[in-house]
Amino acid sequence: MLEWMLRNVMAERGIWSGAALARLMKKKANYSLSAASISALLTNQPRQMKAETLDALCTTLECTPGDLWVHTPPSRTKGA
């Protein structure tokens, strides 16, 4: 299972709002997202994402895709 960790990564960096994230993305990555797109990233786990957006998030937050997505393998039950 993949878990979207954007809010956690933002909090670790002292970024508390979508507006602050948008400003930083523009400044650090020269990348713009609409308020609705940022809101969607903050409230739901994305089903798909442009590579450009992921790159901009990683540049802005100084992280890797592995910081934004955490994979937890499904637990296997004995005898299955």
C-alpha atoms as a PDB file:
ATOM      1  CA  MET A   1       0.000   0.000   0.000  1.00  0.00           C
ATOM      2  CA  LEU A   2       1.247   3.464  -0.840  1.00  0.00           C
ATOM      3  CA  GLU A   3       0.692   6.257   1.643  1.00  0.00           C
ATOM      4  CA  TRP A   4       0.868   9.917   0.578  1.00  0.00           C
ATOM      5  CA  MET A   5       2.979  11.846   3.086  1.00  0.00           C
ATOM      6  CA  LEU A   6       2.862  15.403   1.684  1.00  0.00           C
ATOM      7  CA  ARG A   7       1.372  16.980   4.819  1.00  0.00           C
ATOM      8  CA  ASN A   8       3.967  15.268   7.029  1.00  0.00           C
ATOM      9  CA  VAL A   9       6.868  16.388   4.833  1.00  0.00           C
ATOM     10  CA  MET A  10       5.495  19.934   4.767  1.00  0.00           C
ATOM     11  CA  ALA A  11       5.082  19.985   8.563  1.00  0.00           C
ATOM     12  CA  GLU A  12       8.657  18.779   9.062  1.00  0.00           C
ATOM     13  CA  ARG A  13       9.739  21.836   7.079  1.00  0.00           C
ATOM     14  CA  GLY A  14       7.436  24.303   8.826  1.00  0.00           C
ATOM     15  CA  ILE A  15       5.085  24.729   5.854  1.00  0.00           C
ATOM     16  CA  TRP A  16       1.531  24.843   7.194  1.00  0.00           C
ATOM     17  CA  SER A  17      -0.673  25.900   4.283  1.00  0.00           C
ATOM     18  CA  GLY A  18      -1.304  25.248   0.635  1.00  0.00           C
ATOM     19  CA  ALA A  19      -0.732  28.932  -0.107  1.00  0.00           C
ATOM     20  CA  ALA A  20       2.722  28.756   1.479  1.00  0.00           C
ATOM     21  CA  LEU A  21       3.514  25.631  -0.541  1.00  0.00           C
ATOM     22  CA  ALA A  22       2.366  27.344  -3.750  1.00  0.00           C
ATOM     23  CA  ARG A  23       4.588  30.377  -3.064  1.00  0.00           C
ATOM     24  CA  LEU A  24       7.598  28.180  -2.366  1.00  0.00           C
ATOM     25  CA  MET A  25       6.982  26.072  -5.473  1.00  0.00           C
ATOM     26  CA  LYS A  26       6.956  29.199  -7.605  1.00  0.00           C
ATOM     27  CA  LYS A  27      10.089  30.563  -5.934  1.00  0.00           C
ATOM     28  CA  LYS A  28      12.205  27.392  -5.682  1.00  0.00           C
ATOM     29  CA  ALA A  29      11.011  25.354  -8.679  1.00  0.00           C
ATOM     30  CA  ASN A  30       9.459  28.031 -10.917  1.00  0.00           C
ATOM     31  CA  TYR A  31       6.345  25.852 -11.024  1.00  0.00           C
ATOM     32  CA  SER A  32       2.737  26.893 -10.523  1.00  0.00           C
ATOM     33  CA  LEU A  33      -0.247  24.847  -9.446  1.00  0.00           C
ATOM     34  CA  SER A  34      -3.786  26.115  -9.074  1.00  0.00           C
ATOM     35  CA  ALA A  35      -5.255  26.468  -5.603  1.00  0.00           C
ATOM     36  CA  ALA A  36      -7.628  23.602  -6.437  1.00  0.00           C
ATOM     37  CA  SER A  37      -4.731  21.328  -7.443  1.00  0.00           C
ATOM     38  CA  ILE A  38      -2.805  22.095  -4.264  1.00  0.00           C
ATOM     39  CA  SER A  39      -5.928  21.531  -2.187  1.00  0.00           C
ATOM     40  CA  ALA A  40      -6.438  18.152  -3.873  1.00  0.00           C
ATOM     41  CA  LEU A  41      -2.839  17.150  -3.109  1.00  0.00           C
ATOM     42  CA  LEU A  42      -3.306  18.113   0.534  1.00  0.00           C
ATOM     43  CA  THR A  43      -6.654  16.402   1.084  1.00  0.00           C
ATOM     44  CA  ASN A  44      -6.444  13.221  -0.978  1.00  0.00           C
ATOM     45  CA  GLN A  45      -3.886  10.657  -1.996  1.00  0.00           C
ATOM     46  CA  PRO A  46      -3.211  11.284  -5.690  1.00  0.00           C
ATOM     47  CA  ARG A  47      -4.234   8.540  -8.102  1.00  0.00           C
ATOM     48  CA  GLN A  48      -1.816   9.871 -10.685  1.00  0.00           C
ATOM     49  CA  MET A  49       0.687  12.696 -10.892  1.00  0.00           C
ATOM     50  CA  LYS A  50       2.675  14.384 -13.603  1.00  0.00           C
ATOM     51  CA  ALA A  51       6.405  13.808 -13.326  1.00  0.00           C
ATOM     52  CA  GLU A  52       6.839  17.608 -13.535  1.00  0.00           C
ATOM     53  CA  THR A  53       4.651  18.108 -10.464  1.00  0.00           C
ATOM     54  CA  LEU A  54       6.479  15.441  -8.476  1.00  0.00           C
ATOM     55  CA  ASP A  55       9.816  16.980  -9.493  1.00  0.00           C
ATOM     56  CA  ALA A  56       8.622  20.447  -8.423  1.00  0.00           C
ATOM     57  CA  LEU A  57       7.421  19.126  -5.056  1.00  0.00           C
ATOM     58  CA  CYS A  58      10.738  17.369  -4.456  1.00  0.00           C
ATOM     59  CA  THR A  59      12.704  20.473  -5.463  1.00  0.00           C
ATOM     60  CA  THR A  60      10.577  22.721  -3.280  1.00  0.00           C
ATOM     61  CA  LEU A  61      10.578  20.462  -0.237  1.00  0.00           C
ATOM     62  CA  GLU A  62      14.165  19.267  -0.744  1.00  0.00           C
ATOM     63  CA  CYS A  63      13.088  15.644  -0.578  1.00  0.00           C
ATOM     64  CA  THR A  64      12.841  12.554  -2.738  1.00  0.00           C
ATOM     65  CA  PRO A  65       9.751  10.792  -4.107  1.00  0.00           C
ATOM     66  CA  GLY A  66      10.393   8.150  -1.436  1.00  0.00           C
ATOM     67  CA  ASP A  67       9.801  10.806   1.221  1.00  0.00           C
ATOM     68  CA  LEU A  68       6.431  11.730  -0.284  1.00  0.00           C
ATOM     69  CA  TRP A  69       5.249   8.154  -0.889  1.00  0.00           C
ATOM     70  CA  VAL A  70       5.754   5.464   1.745  1.00  0.00           C
ATOM     71  CA  HIS A  71       5.207   1.863   0.700  1.00  0.00           C
ATOM     72  CA  THR A  72       3.976  -0.659   3.220  1.00  0.00           C
ATOM     73  CA  PRO A  73       3.817  -4.187   1.860  1.00  0.00           C
ATOM     74  CA  PRO A  74       0.596  -6.051   2.564  1.00  0.00           C
ATOM     75  CA  SER A  75       0.833  -8.373   5.523  1.00  0.00           C
ATOM     76  CA  ARG A  76       0.796 -12.016   4.638  1.00  0.00           C
ATOM     77  CA  THR A  77      -1.229 -14.367   6.735  1.00  0.00           C
ATOM     78  CA  LYS A  78       0.158 -17.769   7.611  1.00  0.00           C
ATOM     79  CA  GLY A  79      -1.023 -20.437   5.203  1.00  0.00           C
ATOM     80  CA  ALA A  80      -2.042 -17.977   2.499  1.00  0.00           C
END
